[in-house]
Each structure stands twice: as C-alpha cells, then as structure tokens.
Amino acid sequence: MTTLKKGDKAPNFSGLDQDGILHSLADYTGKKLVVFFYPRANTPGCIAEACDLRDNYDRFISNNYVLLGVSADSQKAQGKFKNKFNFPFPLLADEDRKVIEAFGVWGPKKFMGREFDGIHRTTFIIDENGIIEDVISNVKTKAHTAQILG
C-alpha cells in the first residue's frame, strides 16, 4: 500500500498524542523510532499488537528504540486505550489523517466482504537519522516484537 521503502527519508510528520503533546520526526533524532499504524483503538487485533509491544517494551528501550502508535482515533479514545492497557508509549490521535497519509497507509480495504477506506496496519522502523530501515506491512499482531527486533 505505502510507496515508502527501506532507505527512504521518513516523512517529516507532526501530530498530537492522547494528552495533547506534539510529536514530530525531529523529536526522535538520535533514537531508533518504531511508528506503528493500527486501524482502531480497542479492537482485538490492535489490542494484541499494542500489548505485545508493551510486554516487550524493556527490550525496545535497551536497544535504543522508542515506540509511537498512530490511528485516526480521537484523543479521548487514544487516552482510554492507553490507560486501559497501561501502554508506556504515546498514541497519536491523527483525526485529520495527516500523518497517516504522509506515510501512505490510508486506502481501500476489505473486511467481511465489505469494501471501505481505512488504515492499513503497517509499521515503519526509522533510524537515528530519520531514514526508514524497514517497512512491515504483514504485521503479526501477537508476535510483532519478534518482527521488529528479530
């Protein structure tokens, strides 16, 4: 779905998290950034994915990674999702889809025979200099940490 690939410069995004704090690509210079896009807060696949990342958070930190979740949910919905599952990472509330569209993960989908536009579950691993190291489009929600860290 996305046209971004390994070696590309990551989009210079900015967006507000569940607490109204602004995050942008420049904030993460010097760290490896995992930006994971998920379709909707508090849905089974998204819960499984985010909880797998939460449960392995120490492994990410010890390898100089920071995590940032993104969906088109409201700040309120993102806040409830983060608090309910005690996520140690911020969740961007990208209601206007500027970050989602900058990364090219919005588009036509099929679910249970129905076609609609939505977020394609995709994860981008961005190096310390803002270059994309990997794009994971076939996300395994229950084993996503293993896909990222190997």
C-alpha atoms as a PDB file:
ATOM      1  CA  MET A   1       0.000   0.000   0.000  1.00  0.00           C
ATOM      2  CA  THR A   2       2.625   2.553   1.073  1.00  0.00           C
ATOM      3  CA  THR A   3       5.182   3.667  -1.502  1.00  0.00           C
ATOM      4  CA  LEU A   4       7.781   4.314   1.200  1.00  0.00           C
ATOM      5  CA  LYS A   5      10.556   1.750   1.352  1.00  0.00           C
ATOM      6  CA  LYS A   6      13.826   0.907   3.065  1.00  0.00           C
ATOM      7  CA  GLY A   7      16.369   3.688   2.501  1.00  0.00           C
ATOM      8  CA  ASP A   8      13.782   6.460   2.022  1.00  0.00           C
ATOM      9  CA  LYS A   9      13.748   9.535   4.225  1.00  0.00           C
ATOM     10  CA  ALA A  10      10.853   9.276   6.681  1.00  0.00           C
ATOM     11  CA  PRO A  11       8.080  11.868   6.274  1.00  0.00           C
ATOM     12  CA  ASN A  12       8.592  14.940   8.451  1.00  0.00           C
ATOM     13  CA  PHE A  13       5.408  14.338  10.445  1.00  0.00           C
ATOM     14  CA  SER A  14       3.936  16.064  13.464  1.00  0.00           C
ATOM     15  CA  GLY A  15       0.846  15.212  15.457  1.00  0.00           C
ATOM     16  CA  LEU A  16      -0.759  15.353  18.894  1.00  0.00           C
ATOM     17  CA  ASP A  17      -0.864  12.378  21.245  1.00  0.00           C
ATOM     18  CA  GLN A  18      -3.588  11.320  23.690  1.00  0.00           C
ATOM     19  CA  ASP A  19      -2.531  14.085  26.109  1.00  0.00           C
ATOM     20  CA  GLY A  20      -2.267  16.859  23.517  1.00  0.00           C
ATOM     21  CA  ILE A  21       1.546  16.695  23.385  1.00  0.00           C
ATOM     22  CA  LEU A  22       3.055  17.389  19.946  1.00  0.00           C
ATOM     23  CA  HIS A  23       5.371  14.743  18.473  1.00  0.00           C
ATOM     24  CA  SER A  24       7.409  15.204  15.306  1.00  0.00           C
ATOM     25  CA  LEU A  25      10.137  13.286  13.496  1.00  0.00           C
ATOM     26  CA  ALA A  26      12.784  15.753  14.722  1.00  0.00           C
ATOM     27  CA  ASP A  27      11.973  14.841  18.349  1.00  0.00           C
ATOM     28  CA  TYR A  28      13.426  11.392  17.753  1.00  0.00           C
ATOM     29  CA  THR A  29      16.779  12.280  16.167  1.00  0.00           C
ATOM     30  CA  GLY A  30      19.441  10.047  17.736  1.00  0.00           C
ATOM     31  CA  LYS A  31      16.999   7.248  18.560  1.00  0.00           C
ATOM     32  CA  LYS A  32      15.500   4.441  16.542  1.00  0.00           C
ATOM     33  CA  LEU A  33      11.787   5.090  16.117  1.00  0.00           C
ATOM     34  CA  VAL A  34       9.118   2.461  15.611  1.00  0.00           C
ATOM     35  CA  VAL A  35       5.950   4.063  14.205  1.00  0.00           C
ATOM     36  CA  PHE A  36       3.126   1.558  14.176  1.00  0.00           C
ATOM     37  CA  PHE A  37      -0.146   2.385  12.446  1.00  0.00           C
ATOM     38  CA  TYR A  38      -3.223   0.493  13.578  1.00  0.00           C
ATOM     39  CA  PRO A  39      -6.831   0.645  12.341  1.00  0.00           C
ATOM     40  CA  ARG A  40      -8.730   1.375  15.542  1.00  0.00           C
ATOM     41  CA  ALA A  41      -8.143   1.629  19.301  1.00  0.00           C
ATOM     42  CA  ASN A  42      -9.665  -1.067  21.490  1.00  0.00           C
ATOM     43  CA  THR A  43     -10.270  -3.608  18.717  1.00  0.00           C
ATOM     44  CA  PRO A  44      -8.947  -7.183  19.047  1.00  0.00           C
ATOM     45  CA  GLY A  45      -6.050  -7.024  16.567  1.00  0.00           C
ATOM     46  CA  CYS A  46      -4.939  -3.607  17.772  1.00  0.00           C
ATOM     47  CA  ILE A  47      -5.088  -4.711  21.398  1.00  0.00           C
ATOM     48  CA  ALA A  48      -2.985  -7.812  20.614  1.00  0.00           C
ATOM     49  CA  GLU A  49      -0.397  -5.777  18.689  1.00  0.00           C
ATOM     50  CA  ALA A  50      -0.035  -2.944  21.201  1.00  0.00           C
ATOM     51  CA  CYS A  51       0.029  -5.336  24.189  1.00  0.00           C
ATOM     52  CA  ASP A  52       2.796  -7.392  22.541  1.00  0.00           C
ATOM     53  CA  LEU A  53       4.833  -4.200  22.126  1.00  0.00           C
ATOM     54  CA  ARG A  54       4.047  -3.154  25.717  1.00  0.00           C
ATOM     55  CA  ASP A  55       5.076  -6.540  27.107  1.00  0.00           C
ATOM     56  CA  ASN A  56       8.440  -6.266  25.343  1.00  0.00           C
ATOM     57  CA  TYR A  57       8.958  -2.550  25.969  1.00  0.00           C
ATOM     58  CA  ASP A  58      12.148  -3.086  28.007  1.00  0.00           C
ATOM     59  CA  ARG A  59      13.738  -4.867  25.040  1.00  0.00           C
ATOM     60  CA  PHE A  60      12.991  -1.864  22.815  1.00  0.00           C
ATOM     61  CA  ILE A  61      14.384   0.628  25.333  1.00  0.00           C
ATOM     62  CA  SER A  62      17.563  -1.392  25.871  1.00  0.00           C
ATOM     63  CA  ASN A  63      18.134  -1.326  22.089  1.00  0.00           C
ATOM     64  CA  ASN A  64      17.638   2.494  21.848  1.00  0.00           C
ATOM     65  CA  TYR A  65      14.162   2.240  20.293  1.00  0.00           C
ATOM     66  CA  VAL A  66      11.169   4.437  21.072  1.00  0.00           C
ATOM     67  CA  LEU A  67       7.635   3.498  20.080  1.00  0.00           C
ATOM     68  CA  LEU A  68       4.855   5.662  18.704  1.00  0.00           C
ATOM     69  CA  GLY A  69       1.391   4.338  17.860  1.00  0.00           C
ATOM     70  CA  VAL A  70      -0.837   6.120  15.345  1.00  0.00           C
ATOM     71  CA  SER A  71      -4.509   5.797  14.399  1.00  0.00           C
ATOM     72  CA  ALA A  72      -7.295   8.151  13.340  1.00  0.00           C
ATOM     73  CA  ASP A  73      -8.998   7.826  16.737  1.00  0.00           C
ATOM     74  CA  SER A  74      -9.773  10.888  18.876  1.00  0.00           C
ATOM     75  CA  GLN A  75      -7.528  11.996  21.740  1.00  0.00           C
ATOM     76  CA  LYS A  76     -10.166  10.740  24.160  1.00  0.00           C
ATOM     77  CA  ALA A  77     -10.296   7.269  22.537  1.00  0.00           C
ATOM     78  CA  GLN A  78      -6.481   7.078  22.433  1.00  0.00           C
ATOM     79  CA  GLY A  79      -6.287   8.117  26.083  1.00  0.00           C
ATOM     80  CA  LYS A  80      -8.767   5.432  27.137  1.00  0.00           C
ATOM     81  CA  PHE A  81      -6.893   2.810  25.084  1.00  0.00           C
ATOM     82  CA  LYS A  82      -3.514   3.810  26.582  1.00  0.00           C
ATOM     83  CA  ASN A  83      -4.825   3.886  30.164  1.00  0.00           C
ATOM     84  CA  LYS A  84      -6.841   0.666  29.918  1.00  0.00           C
ATOM     85  CA  PHE A  85      -3.773  -1.344  28.857  1.00  0.00           C
ATOM     86  CA  ASN A  86      -1.054   0.758  30.575  1.00  0.00           C
ATOM     87  CA  PHE A  87       0.914   1.436  27.406  1.00  0.00           C
ATOM     88  CA  PRO A  88       4.280   3.088  28.166  1.00  0.00           C
ATOM     89  CA  PHE A  89       4.369   4.769  24.727  1.00  0.00           C
ATOM     90  CA  PRO A  90       2.329   7.646  23.259  1.00  0.00           C
ATOM     91  CA  LEU A  91      -0.532   7.182  20.794  1.00  0.00           C
ATOM     92  CA  LEU A  92      -1.068   9.882  18.185  1.00  0.00           C
ATOM     93  CA  ALA A  93      -4.667  10.938  17.617  1.00  0.00           C
ATOM     94  CA  ASP A  94      -4.412  11.591  13.869  1.00  0.00           C
ATOM     95  CA  GLU A  95      -8.058  12.503  13.262  1.00  0.00           C
ATOM     96  CA  ASP A  96      -7.251  14.621  10.186  1.00  0.00           C
ATOM     97  CA  ARG A  97      -5.088  11.736   8.853  1.00  0.00           C
ATOM     98  CA  LYS A  98      -2.116  13.983   8.021  1.00  0.00           C
ATOM     99  CA  VAL A  99       0.441  11.555   9.497  1.00  0.00           C
ATOM    100  CA  ILE A 100      -1.430   8.506   8.166  1.00  0.00           C
ATOM    101  CA  GLU A 101      -1.485   9.941   4.648  1.00  0.00           C
ATOM    102  CA  ALA A 102       2.127  11.177   4.836  1.00  0.00           C
ATOM    103  CA  PHE A 103       3.173   7.549   5.399  1.00  0.00           C
ATOM    104  CA  GLY A 104       0.746   6.315   2.717  1.00  0.00           C
ATOM    105  CA  VAL A 105      -1.141   3.819   4.895  1.00  0.00           C
ATOM    106  CA  TRP A 106      -4.715   5.025   4.175  1.00  0.00           C
ATOM    107  CA  GLY A 107      -6.653   3.361   1.388  1.00  0.00           C
ATOM    108  CA  PRO A 108      -9.208   0.794   0.258  1.00  0.00           C
ATOM    109  CA  LYS A 109      -9.651  -2.306   2.409  1.00  0.00           C
ATOM    110  CA  LYS A 110     -11.918  -5.335   2.523  1.00  0.00           C
ATOM    111  CA  PHE A 111     -13.354  -6.798   5.695  1.00  0.00           C
ATOM    112  CA  MET A 112     -16.058  -9.469   5.834  1.00  0.00           C
ATOM    113  CA  GLY A 113     -16.999  -8.837   2.212  1.00  0.00           C
ATOM    114  CA  ARG A 114     -17.341  -5.091   2.699  1.00  0.00           C
ATOM    115  CA  GLU A 115     -15.095  -2.534   0.994  1.00  0.00           C
ATOM    116  CA  PHE A 116     -14.164   0.728   2.707  1.00  0.00           C
ATOM    117  CA  ASP A 117     -11.261   3.139   3.175  1.00  0.00           C
ATOM    118  CA  GLY A 118      -9.150   2.742   6.289  1.00  0.00           C
ATOM    119  CA  ILE A 119      -5.715   2.366   7.813  1.00  0.00           C
ATOM    120  CA  HIS A 120      -3.550  -0.488   6.604  1.00  0.00           C
ATOM    121  CA  ARG A 121      -1.777  -1.955   9.645  1.00  0.00           C
ATOM    122  CA  THR A 122       1.823  -1.053   8.870  1.00  0.00           C
ATOM    123  CA  THR A 123       4.966  -0.457  10.940  1.00  0.00           C
ATOM    124  CA  PHE A 124       7.925   1.717   9.996  1.00  0.00           C
ATOM    125  CA  ILE A 125      11.335   1.380  11.640  1.00  0.00           C
ATOM    126  CA  ILE A 126      13.228   4.654  11.322  1.00  0.00           C
ATOM    127  CA  ASP A 127      16.913   5.018  12.178  1.00  0.00           C
ATOM    128  CA  GLU A 128      18.614   7.698  14.261  1.00  0.00           C
ATOM    129  CA  ASN A 129      18.948   9.967  11.203  1.00  0.00           C
ATOM    130  CA  GLY A 130      15.346   9.751  10.001  1.00  0.00           C
ATOM    131  CA  ILE A 131      15.923   7.098   7.332  1.00  0.00           C
ATOM    132  CA  ILE A 132      13.495   4.181   7.025  1.00  0.00           C
ATOM    133  CA  GLU A 133      15.258   0.931   7.975  1.00  0.00           C
ATOM    134  CA  ASP A 134      12.280  -1.331   7.386  1.00  0.00           C
ATOM    135  CA  VAL A 135       8.593  -1.339   6.474  1.00  0.00           C
ATOM    136  CA  ILE A 136       6.480  -4.159   7.898  1.00  0.00           C
ATOM    137  CA  SER A 137       3.159  -4.466   6.089  1.00  0.00           C
ATOM    138  CA  ASN A 138       2.352  -8.068   7.015  1.00  0.00           C
ATOM    139  CA  VAL A 139       2.065  -7.382  10.748  1.00  0.00           C
ATOM    140  CA  LYS A 140       1.677 -10.393  13.020  1.00  0.00           C
ATOM    141  CA  THR A 141      -0.290  -8.764  15.844  1.00  0.00           C
ATOM    142  CA  LYS A 142       0.600 -11.331  18.540  1.00  0.00           C
ATOM    143  CA  ALA A 143       4.285 -11.537  17.593  1.00  0.00           C
ATOM    144  CA  HIS A 144       5.070  -8.054  16.326  1.00  0.00           C
ATOM    145  CA  THR A 145       8.065  -7.510  18.614  1.00  0.00           C
ATOM    146  CA  ALA A 146       9.786 -10.504  17.003  1.00  0.00           C
ATOM    147  CA  GLN A 147       9.173  -8.973  13.557  1.00  0.00           C
ATOM    148  CA  ILE A 148      10.804  -5.709  14.637  1.00  0.00           C
ATOM    149  CA  LEU A 149      13.686  -6.864  16.831  1.00  0.00           C
ATOM    150  CA  GLY A 150      14.271 -10.225  15.137  1.00  0.00           C
END
